[in-house]
Amino acid sequence: MGYGMRLKTVVAGLLAGGVLVVGLAGAEPIVIDGKGEILKDGSVGVSRNLAIQDAERKALEQQGVRIESYDSGGFSSLQADTGGRSGRTTLLQEERQGDVYRVRARVDAQRKRACDPPGYRKKIAVTAFPALYARHVTDLRDVRIAYPMELSRMLEERRQFLVHHAADRTIFETPALAPELNRYGDTADFRQMAEALDVQFVVAGVIRDMEYLITPERGPWNVFYEVFDIPPLTRHLRVDVYLYDGLSGALLDQNSYEDTVTGSDVYFDAGVSITSEKFRRSSYGQALQRILLRQAADISEKLRCLPLAERVVKISEGNVYMNAGALSNVRVGDSFIVYHGLNALPNQVYYGNRVLGGVEEPKATLTIRQVQPNFSVGYLDVAAQSIGVYDIIRSW
């Protein structure tokens, strides 16, 4: 039941170059065969999963798939449109034939059902959003911390994530150079932070512009301001958001959000918190709330089709403990793949260098037999000696 019940989609989130995968909508379910090689002393469950993914890939190819490069503003950014990804897969037949595992499956890849999330809540942390120019935010109290707190609240409301608050942590050595974490391209400190926070993804950002200027234009609105001796102001708003993989430090996505607001309530002489009711009622506060909502929606969509990824935290008497439980919507009977990390890809230090991630090898399938709020216990389909603590557990 395990892998047949779980959605198998592949989003190459850690590739260096950007690709856009677009599936064609409106197709009927396809009955198709798939196969997966069974390695010597390897996991049959892993081979079964590969066979299912092979069937889904063939179903996609039958419907038509085009791959396009994507570039925005000089930054290469991976965009995966999962419209053609298999929305529902039902196993009709499966068997082992020598060193090959074969399946026959019905793949329903209609766009409206595509990439339905299996329901797992992924762990995510939102770190500080430093202001590039301190003089722009003198009237906004602790905005570097308040901003990520507001974004965290909106992510929590979507019920898609387990949000771990990290608003007091700044991940950028030099915010002006973001998304680069530091001048050396080293992700070690970042990965240690993500492990300590126990999160799969990390959101960070930079407040690049919140400058306010006296509006020079004359007009009916300015006459009103002059009568009441209220100086008309225009205030800009630009916040950049970066999404990282906590396991590797790889940059998964980046976006810039901008707006410009003119009015008498865009600057606050006495100082105000962006979480206050006074700020939220202001025209500038409403503009900022709209941007926060867009950011939460974009993060949610970007991560919707990526698998849950957790760690082996303990192995005892054949039982494997995973650091995700009922709070992550893990259930008894769920199946996962355990990957063993191999040598990390070399990180060359030069301008524009991008961390790609690490090489992993699927080793076993893990079936859950007991679920607690924050962890789960399961058994493997191969000897536990092939698995180690800190190995990665993914939902596919």
Protein backbone atom coordinates (compact mmCIF):
# COMPACT_ATOMS: atom_id res chain seq x y z
CA MET A 1 0.00 0.00 0.00
CA GLY A 2 2.77 2.44 1.03
CA TYR A 3 4.06 3.88 -2.22
CA GLY A 4 0.86 3.35 -4.13
CA MET A 5 -0.90 5.58 -1.62
CA ARG A 6 1.67 8.33 -1.81
CA LEU A 7 2.05 10.88 -4.52
CA LYS A 8 5.31 10.57 -6.39
CA THR A 9 6.39 13.82 -7.97
CA VAL A 10 9.90 14.86 -8.81
CA VAL A 11 10.89 18.51 -8.61
CA ALA A 12 14.58 19.08 -9.28
CA GLY A 13 14.84 21.82 -6.71
CA LEU A 14 18.60 21.72 -6.34
CA LEU A 15 19.69 21.95 -9.96
CA ALA A 16 22.08 24.68 -10.95
CA GLY A 17 20.25 25.77 -14.10
CA GLY A 18 16.62 26.84 -14.21
CA VAL A 19 14.07 24.68 -15.99
CA LEU A 20 10.37 25.02 -16.47
CA VAL A 21 8.41 21.79 -16.72
CA VAL A 22 4.96 22.27 -18.17
CA GLY A 23 2.44 19.45 -18.51
CA LEU A 24 -0.61 19.54 -20.73
CA ALA A 25 -3.96 19.53 -18.95
CA GLY A 26 -7.24 17.78 -19.60
CA ALA A 27 -5.93 14.26 -20.36
CA GLU A 28 -7.71 11.08 -19.29
CA PRO A 29 -6.08 8.65 -16.82
CA ILE A 30 -3.45 6.43 -18.45
CA VAL A 31 -2.81 2.74 -17.73
CA ILE A 32 0.91 2.20 -18.16
CA ASP A 33 3.77 -0.08 -17.09
CA GLY A 34 6.86 0.86 -15.13
CA LYS A 35 9.97 -0.94 -13.94
CA GLY A 36 12.74 -0.50 -11.40
CA GLU A 37 16.05 -2.34 -11.11
CA ILE A 38 16.61 -4.43 -7.97
CA LEU A 39 20.22 -4.15 -6.87
CA LYS A 40 22.02 -7.01 -5.16
CA ASP A 41 21.17 -6.97 -1.44
CA GLY A 42 19.20 -3.82 -2.12
CA SER A 43 15.77 -2.72 -0.99
CA VAL A 44 12.87 -4.15 -2.99
CA GLY A 45 10.75 -1.30 -1.64
CA VAL A 46 13.06 1.27 -3.21
CA SER A 47 12.89 -0.59 -6.55
CA ARG A 48 9.09 -0.66 -6.28
CA ASN A 49 9.08 3.09 -5.78
CA LEU A 50 11.35 3.56 -8.80
CA ALA A 51 8.98 1.44 -10.89
CA ILE A 52 6.03 3.64 -9.87
CA GLN A 53 7.98 6.79 -10.72
CA ASP A 54 8.95 5.23 -14.06
CA ALA A 55 5.26 4.65 -14.87
CA GLU A 56 4.39 8.22 -13.91
CA ARG A 57 7.22 9.59 -16.03
CA LYS A 58 5.99 7.63 -19.07
CA ALA A 59 2.46 8.92 -18.46
CA LEU A 60 3.79 12.47 -18.51
CA GLU A 61 5.65 11.84 -21.76
CA GLN A 62 2.53 10.47 -23.40
CA GLN A 63 0.64 13.66 -22.52
CA GLY A 64 3.42 15.89 -23.81
CA VAL A 65 6.00 17.77 -21.75
CA ARG A 66 8.12 20.72 -22.74
CA ILE A 67 11.17 21.99 -20.88
CA GLU A 68 12.17 25.64 -21.00
CA SER A 69 14.97 27.59 -19.38
CA TYR A 70 13.92 30.45 -17.13
CA ASP A 71 15.82 33.58 -16.22
CA SER A 72 14.69 36.65 -14.31
CA GLY A 73 16.64 39.84 -13.87
CA GLY A 74 19.96 38.15 -14.50
CA PHE A 75 19.39 35.53 -11.80
CA SER A 76 18.80 31.96 -12.87
CA SER A 77 15.85 30.59 -10.91
CA LEU A 78 14.33 27.13 -11.06
CA GLN A 79 10.59 27.22 -11.68
CA ALA A 80 8.65 23.97 -11.65
CA ASP A 81 5.09 24.07 -12.93
CA THR A 82 3.70 20.78 -11.66
CA GLY A 83 0.55 20.94 -13.78
CA GLY A 84 1.58 17.77 -15.58
CA ARG A 85 2.72 15.91 -12.49
CA SER A 86 0.73 12.82 -11.57
CA GLY A 87 -2.17 13.81 -9.39
CA ARG A 88 -3.25 10.30 -8.45
CA THR A 89 -1.65 6.91 -9.07
CA THR A 90 -3.37 3.55 -8.49
CA LEU A 91 -1.44 0.28 -8.69
CA LEU A 92 -3.27 -2.38 -10.73
CA GLN A 93 -0.58 -5.05 -10.75
CA GLU A 94 2.91 -5.51 -9.35
CA GLU A 95 5.45 -8.32 -9.30
CA ARG A 96 9.11 -9.11 -9.06
CA GLN A 97 10.73 -10.68 -12.12
CA GLY A 98 14.30 -11.62 -11.32
CA ASP A 99 16.28 -8.43 -10.77
CA VAL A 100 13.46 -6.16 -11.99
CA TYR A 101 10.35 -4.96 -10.17
CA ARG A 102 7.42 -4.31 -12.52
CA VAL A 103 4.18 -2.45 -11.94
CA ARG A 104 1.10 -1.61 -13.95
CA ALA A 105 -0.54 1.61 -12.78
CA ARG A 106 -3.38 3.94 -13.61
CA VAL A 107 -1.99 7.47 -13.59
CA ASP A 108 -4.44 10.36 -13.40
CA ALA A 109 -2.41 13.43 -14.32
CA GLN A 110 -5.17 15.94 -14.91
CA ARG A 111 -4.05 19.47 -14.11
CA LYS A 112 -6.82 20.13 -11.58
CA ARG A 113 -5.62 17.19 -9.49
CA ALA A 114 -1.93 17.66 -10.14
CA CYS A 115 0.50 17.50 -7.29
CA ASP A 116 -2.09 17.26 -4.57
CA PRO A 117 -0.05 17.44 -1.36
CA PRO A 118 -0.10 14.22 0.68
CA GLY A 119 -0.80 16.27 3.78
CA TYR A 120 2.59 16.30 5.47
CA ARG A 121 3.43 19.55 7.23
CA LYS A 122 7.02 20.53 6.47
CA LYS A 123 9.18 22.31 9.03
CA ILE A 124 10.27 25.81 8.11
CA ALA A 125 12.06 28.67 9.87
CA VAL A 126 11.84 32.38 9.07
CA THR A 127 14.98 34.31 10.04
CA ALA A 128 15.59 38.05 10.47
CA PHE A 129 15.00 40.56 7.66
CA PRO A 130 17.76 43.16 8.11
CA ALA A 131 17.23 46.62 6.61
CA LEU A 132 19.86 47.57 4.07
CA TYR A 133 19.61 51.24 5.14
CA ALA A 134 18.90 51.88 8.82
CA ARG A 135 17.79 55.45 8.11
CA HIS A 136 14.83 54.10 6.11
CA VAL A 137 13.25 52.39 9.13
CA THR A 138 13.91 54.72 12.07
CA ASP A 139 10.15 55.02 12.65
CA LEU A 140 9.47 51.26 12.46
CA ARG A 141 10.43 49.59 15.71
CA ASP A 142 12.41 46.33 15.46
CA VAL A 143 11.24 45.81 11.89
CA ARG A 144 14.05 43.30 11.22
CA ILE A 145 12.39 40.99 13.76
CA ALA A 146 8.75 42.07 13.46
CA TYR A 147 8.68 41.47 9.70
CA PRO A 148 9.65 37.76 9.86
CA MET A 149 7.28 37.29 12.79
CA GLU A 150 4.41 38.55 10.63
CA LEU A 151 5.48 36.30 7.75
CA SER A 152 5.70 33.34 10.14
CA ARG A 153 2.15 34.03 11.34
CA MET A 154 0.83 34.01 7.79
CA LEU A 155 2.65 30.77 6.98
CA GLU A 156 1.21 29.15 10.10
CA GLU A 157 -2.30 30.17 9.07
CA ARG A 158 -1.94 28.16 5.86
CA ARG A 159 -1.66 24.92 7.88
CA GLN A 160 0.95 23.62 5.44
CA PHE A 161 4.00 24.10 7.65
CA LEU A 162 5.31 23.65 11.15
CA VAL A 163 6.90 27.07 11.63
CA HIS A 164 9.92 27.37 13.92
CA HIS A 165 10.56 30.97 14.87
CA ALA A 166 14.08 32.24 14.24
CA ALA A 167 13.48 35.97 13.81
CA ASP A 168 16.45 36.78 16.03
CA ARG A 169 18.93 35.04 13.70
CA THR A 170 20.58 36.76 10.74
CA ILE A 171 22.05 34.37 8.18
CA PHE A 172 23.72 36.93 5.89
CA GLU A 173 27.27 38.05 6.61
CA THR A 174 26.65 41.07 4.35
CA PRO A 175 22.94 41.69 3.62
CA ALA A 176 23.75 43.77 0.53
CA LEU A 177 25.21 40.64 -1.09
CA ALA A 178 22.20 38.41 -0.36
CA PRO A 179 21.37 35.71 -1.29
CA GLU A 180 25.05 34.87 -0.78
CA LEU A 181 25.39 33.71 2.82
CA ASN A 182 29.01 34.81 3.13
CA ARG A 183 32.01 35.78 1.04
CA TYR A 184 33.37 32.22 0.98
CA GLY A 185 30.30 30.35 -0.28
CA ASP A 186 30.47 28.15 2.82
CA THR A 187 27.14 26.70 4.03
CA ALA A 188 28.43 24.86 7.12
CA ASP A 189 27.17 27.39 9.70
CA PHE A 190 23.84 27.66 7.89
CA ARG A 191 23.34 23.88 7.85
CA GLN A 192 24.23 23.65 11.55
CA MET A 193 21.64 26.33 12.32
CA ALA A 194 18.95 24.51 10.31
CA GLU A 195 19.77 21.25 12.08
CA ALA A 196 19.62 22.93 15.50
CA LEU A 197 16.25 24.45 14.59
CA ASP A 198 15.11 21.07 13.22
CA VAL A 199 13.76 22.52 9.96
CA GLN A 200 13.73 21.41 6.34
CA PHE A 201 13.52 24.90 4.82
CA VAL A 202 14.72 28.35 5.82
CA VAL A 203 13.25 31.67 4.69
CA ALA A 204 15.37 34.81 4.89
CA GLY A 205 15.08 38.28 3.46
CA VAL A 206 16.43 41.79 3.15
CA ILE A 207 14.49 45.05 3.44
CA ARG A 208 16.10 46.91 0.57
CA ASP A 209 14.00 50.05 0.46
CA MET A 210 11.56 51.80 2.82
CA GLU A 211 12.63 55.34 2.04
CA TYR A 212 10.16 58.21 2.45
CA LEU A 213 10.25 61.46 0.43
CA ILE A 214 8.19 64.67 0.35
CA THR A 215 5.85 64.49 -2.63
CA PRO A 216 6.71 67.42 -4.92
CA GLU A 217 3.72 67.21 -7.28
CA ARG A 218 0.89 69.73 -7.00
CA GLY A 219 -2.67 68.47 -7.14
CA PRO A 220 -6.01 68.28 -5.30
CA TRP A 221 -4.53 65.91 -2.75
CA ASN A 222 -1.63 68.27 -2.06
CA VAL A 223 -3.96 71.25 -1.60
CA PHE A 224 -5.69 69.27 1.13
CA TYR A 225 -2.38 68.54 2.79
CA GLU A 226 -1.33 72.18 2.62
CA VAL A 227 -4.59 73.37 4.23
CA PHE A 228 -4.08 71.06 7.16
CA ASP A 229 -0.31 71.57 7.23
CA ILE A 230 0.39 67.85 6.70
CA PRO A 231 3.36 67.26 4.41
CA PRO A 232 2.56 64.82 1.59
CA LEU A 233 4.94 61.88 1.55
CA THR A 234 5.75 59.09 -0.85
CA ARG A 235 7.25 55.96 0.64
CA HIS A 236 8.77 53.09 -1.24
CA LEU A 237 8.68 49.47 -0.24
CA ARG A 238 10.95 46.72 -1.53
CA VAL A 239 11.57 43.46 0.31
CA ASP A 240 13.56 40.57 -1.16
CA VAL A 241 12.82 37.02 0.01
CA TYR A 242 15.10 34.00 -0.29
CA LEU A 243 14.17 30.35 0.23
CA TYR A 244 16.85 27.82 1.17
CA ASP A 245 17.06 24.07 1.60
CA GLY A 246 18.05 23.50 5.22
CA LEU A 247 19.80 20.18 4.53
CA SER A 248 22.25 21.50 1.93
CA GLY A 249 22.11 25.30 2.10
CA ALA A 250 21.06 25.44 -1.55
CA LEU A 251 19.07 28.45 -2.71
CA LEU A 252 15.69 27.21 -3.97
CA ASP A 253 14.00 30.46 -4.90
CA GLN A 254 14.27 34.24 -4.71
CA ASN A 255 11.78 37.00 -5.36
CA SER A 256 11.56 40.76 -4.99
CA TYR A 257 8.34 42.50 -3.90
CA GLU A 258 7.82 46.23 -4.45
CA ASP A 259 5.20 48.92 -3.97
CA THR A 260 4.99 52.72 -3.63
CA VAL A 261 2.50 54.48 -1.35
CA THR A 262 1.62 58.18 -1.21
CA GLY A 263 -0.29 59.74 1.68
CA SER A 264 -0.15 61.33 5.10
CA ASP A 265 0.06 57.99 6.91
CA VAL A 266 3.23 56.51 5.49
CA TYR A 267 5.65 57.90 8.10
CA PHE A 268 5.29 57.63 11.88
CA ASP A 269 7.13 60.32 13.86
CA ALA A 270 6.62 58.72 17.28
CA GLY A 271 7.61 55.31 16.06
CA VAL A 272 5.35 52.31 15.60
CA SER A 273 5.54 48.52 15.36
CA ILE A 274 4.39 46.96 12.11
CA THR A 275 2.33 44.54 14.21
CA SER A 276 0.28 47.36 15.80
CA GLU A 277 -3.29 48.14 14.81
CA LYS A 278 -2.32 51.74 14.05
CA PHE A 279 0.21 50.62 11.47
CA ARG A 280 -2.07 48.00 9.93
CA ARG A 281 -4.81 50.61 9.39
CA SER A 282 -2.43 52.98 7.61
CA SER A 283 -2.08 52.97 3.83
CA TYR A 284 1.57 51.94 4.15
CA GLY A 285 0.66 49.15 6.57
CA GLN A 286 -1.97 47.84 4.17
CA ALA A 287 0.56 47.81 1.34
CA LEU A 288 2.99 45.87 3.50
CA GLN A 289 0.27 43.38 4.48
CA ARG A 290 -0.49 42.76 0.80
CA ILE A 291 3.17 42.02 0.14
CA LEU A 292 3.35 39.66 3.13
CA LEU A 293 0.32 37.75 1.84
CA ARG A 294 1.94 37.41 -1.58
CA GLN A 295 5.16 36.18 -0.03
CA ALA A 296 3.38 33.55 2.07
CA ALA A 297 1.42 32.36 -0.97
CA ASP A 298 4.55 32.15 -3.15
CA ILE A 299 6.49 30.19 -0.51
CA SER A 300 3.56 27.83 -0.07
CA GLU A 301 3.27 27.20 -3.80
CA LYS A 302 7.01 26.75 -4.27
CA LEU A 303 7.22 24.06 -1.56
CA ARG A 304 3.88 22.38 -2.21
CA CYS A 305 5.24 19.64 -4.46
CA LEU A 306 8.56 19.00 -2.71
CA PRO A 307 8.74 15.88 -0.50
CA LEU A 308 8.88 15.85 3.27
CA ALA A 309 12.52 15.37 4.36
CA GLU A 310 13.47 14.38 7.90
CA ARG A 311 16.30 12.55 9.66
CA VAL A 312 17.03 9.20 11.24
CA VAL A 313 17.57 10.22 14.87
CA LYS A 314 17.90 6.81 16.52
CA ILE A 315 18.24 3.12 15.64
CA SER A 316 17.46 0.58 18.35
CA GLU A 317 16.69 -3.13 18.11
CA GLY A 318 15.70 -2.90 14.47
CA ASN A 319 13.49 0.13 15.03
CA VAL A 320 14.23 3.38 13.22
CA TYR A 321 13.19 6.68 14.81
CA MET A 322 12.30 9.66 12.62
CA ASN A 323 12.08 13.26 13.85
CA ALA A 324 8.55 13.84 12.53
CA GLY A 325 5.31 12.62 14.01
CA ALA A 326 1.64 13.39 14.37
CA LEU A 327 2.23 17.16 14.28
CA SER A 328 3.64 16.66 10.78
CA ASN A 329 0.61 14.50 9.87
CA VAL A 330 2.61 11.26 9.76
CA ARG A 331 0.34 8.23 10.20
CA VAL A 332 0.79 4.56 11.09
CA GLY A 333 1.35 2.59 7.89
CA ASP A 334 2.98 5.44 5.99
CA SER A 335 6.03 4.50 3.93
CA PHE A 336 9.17 6.55 3.34
CA ILE A 337 12.51 6.14 1.57
CA VAL A 338 15.73 6.32 3.58
CA TYR A 339 18.66 7.91 1.76
CA HIS A 340 22.31 7.72 2.72
CA GLY A 341 24.33 10.86 2.05
CA LEU A 342 27.44 10.39 -0.10
CA ASN A 343 30.22 12.87 -0.74
CA ALA A 344 28.92 16.44 -0.97
CA LEU A 345 29.31 18.19 -4.29
CA PRO A 346 32.35 20.47 -4.36
CA ASN A 347 31.61 24.10 -3.55
CA GLN A 348 33.85 26.21 -5.77
CA VAL A 349 34.47 29.64 -4.34
CA TYR A 350 33.98 32.29 -7.03
CA TYR A 351 31.52 35.04 -7.75
CA GLY A 352 28.08 33.75 -8.56
CA ASN A 353 28.86 30.27 -7.23
CA ARG A 354 25.75 28.36 -6.28
CA VAL A 355 25.53 25.40 -3.89
CA LEU A 356 23.80 22.51 -5.59
CA GLY A 357 23.31 20.16 -2.64
CA GLY A 358 24.60 16.67 -1.93
CA VAL A 359 24.53 13.25 -3.54
CA GLU A 360 22.19 10.71 -1.93
CA GLU A 361 21.69 6.98 -2.42
CA PRO A 362 18.32 5.30 -1.65
CA LYS A 363 18.97 2.48 0.81
CA ALA A 364 15.68 1.21 2.24
CA THR A 365 12.01 1.77 2.77
CA LEU A 366 10.71 2.68 6.22
CA THR A 367 7.17 1.71 7.26
CA ILE A 368 5.75 3.53 10.28
CA ARG A 369 4.35 1.39 13.10
CA GLN A 370 4.09 3.96 15.93
CA VAL A 371 3.47 7.72 15.89
CA GLN A 372 4.09 10.23 18.67
CA PRO A 373 3.55 14.01 18.44
CA ASN A 374 7.16 14.84 17.50
CA PHE A 375 8.61 11.55 16.28
CA SER A 376 7.70 8.25 14.65
CA VAL A 377 9.04 4.70 14.88
CA GLY A 378 9.17 2.30 11.96
CA TYR A 379 10.81 -0.80 10.55
CA LEU A 380 12.99 -1.27 7.45
CA ASP A 381 12.69 -3.73 4.59
CA VAL A 382 16.46 -4.42 4.73
CA ALA A 383 18.99 -4.93 7.51
CA ALA A 384 19.37 -1.87 9.71
CA GLN A 385 23.17 -2.06 9.34
CA SER A 386 22.88 -0.25 6.00
CA ILE A 387 21.28 2.77 7.70
CA GLY A 388 22.88 5.31 10.02
CA VAL A 389 21.81 8.11 12.32
CA TYR A 390 21.40 11.41 10.40
CA ASP A 391 20.51 9.61 7.18
CA ILE A 392 17.71 11.39 5.35
CA ILE A 393 14.12 10.16 5.23
CA ARG A 394 11.94 11.43 2.40
CA SER A 395 8.33 10.86 1.47
CA TRP A 396 9.51 9.88 -2.01
